[in-house]
Protein backbone atom coordinates (compact mmCIF):
# COMPACT_ATOMS: atom_id res chain seq x y z
CA UNK A 1 -90.47 43.18 -78.37
CA UNK A 2 -89.72 43.21 -82.01
CA UNK A 3 -92.26 42.39 -84.67
CA UNK A 4 -90.48 38.67 -85.38
CA UNK A 5 -90.61 37.81 -81.94
CA UNK A 6 -93.88 38.67 -81.62
CA UNK A 7 -95.16 36.78 -84.71
CA UNK A 8 -93.33 33.73 -83.21
CA UNK A 9 -94.97 34.21 -79.79
CA UNK A 10 -98.44 33.87 -81.71
CA UNK A 11 -97.71 31.30 -83.69
CA UNK A 12 -96.09 29.47 -80.70
CA UNK A 13 -99.11 30.26 -78.93
CA UNK A 14 -101.70 29.31 -81.57
CA UNK A 15 -100.17 26.13 -82.31
CA UNK A 16 -99.72 24.72 -78.80
CA UNK A 17 -103.21 25.84 -78.12
CA UNK A 18 -104.84 23.73 -81.36
CA UNK A 19 -102.91 20.39 -80.69
CA UNK A 20 -105.20 19.26 -78.00
CA UNK A 21 -108.03 19.69 -80.24
CA UNK A 22 -106.99 16.79 -82.28
CA UNK A 23 -105.77 14.53 -79.49
CA UNK A 24 -107.86 11.11 -78.80
CA UNK A 25 -109.94 11.73 -75.03
CA UNK A 26 -108.56 9.20 -73.01
CA UNK A 27 -109.83 9.59 -69.58
CA UNK A 28 -112.13 12.00 -67.55
CA UNK A 29 -109.54 14.52 -66.94
CA UNK A 30 -108.01 14.72 -70.61
CA UNK A 31 -111.73 16.31 -71.45
CA UNK A 32 -110.88 18.97 -68.90
CA UNK A 33 -107.86 20.30 -70.59
CA UNK A 34 -109.45 20.51 -73.99
CA UNK A 35 -112.14 22.72 -72.32
CA UNK A 36 -109.35 24.88 -70.84
CA UNK A 37 -107.68 25.17 -74.11
CA UNK A 38 -111.14 25.99 -75.57
CA UNK A 39 -111.46 28.69 -72.89
CA UNK A 40 -108.14 30.02 -73.73
CA UNK A 41 -109.01 30.06 -77.49
CA UNK A 42 -111.94 31.84 -77.01
CA UNK A 43 -110.34 34.42 -74.89
CA UNK A 44 -107.45 34.93 -77.40
CA UNK A 45 -109.68 35.07 -80.30
CA UNK A 46 -112.00 37.91 -78.88
CA UNK A 47 -108.85 39.60 -77.60
CA UNK A 48 -106.47 39.54 -80.81
CA UNK A 49 -109.69 40.20 -82.92
CA UNK A 50 -110.70 43.75 -81.23
CA UNK A 51 -106.85 44.58 -80.91
CA UNK A 52 -106.18 44.26 -84.74
CA UNK A 53 -109.47 45.42 -85.62
CA UNK A 54 -108.93 48.89 -83.60
CA UNK A 55 -105.63 48.98 -85.15
CA UNK A 56 -106.64 48.69 -88.54
CA UNK A 57 -109.59 50.91 -88.04
CA UNK A 58 -107.31 53.66 -86.62
CA UNK A 59 -105.10 52.99 -89.54
CA UNK A 60 -107.55 53.56 -92.03
CA UNK A 61 -109.05 56.45 -90.47
CA UNK A 62 -106.17 58.28 -89.82
CA UNK A 63 -104.94 57.81 -93.55
CA UNK A 64 -108.24 58.80 -94.81
CA UNK A 65 -108.38 61.96 -92.85
CA UNK A 66 -104.91 62.79 -93.93
CA UNK A 67 -105.65 62.37 -97.38
CA UNK A 68 -108.96 64.83 -96.79
CA UNK A 69 -106.88 67.43 -94.90
CA UNK A 70 -104.36 67.74 -98.28
CA UNK A 71 -107.05 67.87 -100.56
CA UNK A 72 -110.44 68.66 -99.46
CA UNK A 73 -111.75 68.48 -102.71
CA UNK A 74 -111.71 64.67 -102.79
CA UNK A 75 -113.48 64.16 -99.69
CA UNK A 76 -116.30 62.35 -101.41
CA UNK A 77 -113.96 59.87 -103.31
CA UNK A 78 -111.95 59.17 -100.13
CA UNK A 79 -114.78 58.86 -97.68
CA UNK A 80 -116.82 56.00 -99.28
CA UNK A 81 -114.22 53.47 -99.72
CA UNK A 82 -112.88 54.06 -96.16
CA UNK A 83 -116.28 53.51 -94.75
CA UNK A 84 -116.47 50.16 -96.76
CA UNK A 85 -112.86 49.29 -95.23
CA UNK A 86 -113.83 49.99 -91.72
CA UNK A 87 -117.32 47.52 -92.18
CA UNK A 88 -115.09 45.03 -93.92
CA UNK A 89 -112.89 45.37 -90.66
CA UNK A 90 -115.48 45.46 -88.45
CA UNK A 91 -117.09 42.00 -90.27
CA UNK A 92 -113.51 40.13 -89.42
CA UNK A 93 -113.84 41.25 -85.71
CA UNK A 94 -117.67 40.02 -85.52
CA UNK A 95 -116.17 36.57 -86.95
CA UNK A 96 -113.52 36.18 -84.24
CA UNK A 97 -116.21 36.89 -81.88
CA UNK A 98 -118.71 34.29 -83.72
CA UNK A 99 -115.73 31.88 -83.22
CA UNK A 100 -115.01 32.72 -79.81
CA UNK A 101 -118.90 32.71 -79.06
CA UNK A 102 -118.72 28.85 -80.65
CA UNK A 103 -115.49 27.91 -78.58
CA UNK A 104 -117.10 29.27 -75.36
CA UNK A 105 -120.01 26.44 -75.74
CA UNK A 106 -117.81 23.77 -75.98
CA UNK A 107 -116.75 25.01 -72.10
CA UNK A 108 -118.76 23.34 -69.99
CA UNK A 109 -120.80 25.78 -67.51
């Protein structure tokens, strides 16, 4: 699947999943759909965050290791920004986990 199709699919899923959050609750059955969408949103949030975070960390580490292998003397100058970048990427994954945790709280047990 091309990148444009994947981006369009992700946009469509996120748009369709969030529209029910702004709908008025009418009957008792309407809240069940909202709870199902919250559960789906929680699963998608953590899944996509882990996927994106893992890919980002892999690319950052690969680029840093390639730079160190080309110029071993620059290892201290490369290692510190790489660790900072990995920490920032991991913080985004943790924010997605927090959002998924809050969405999961909206689903009745």
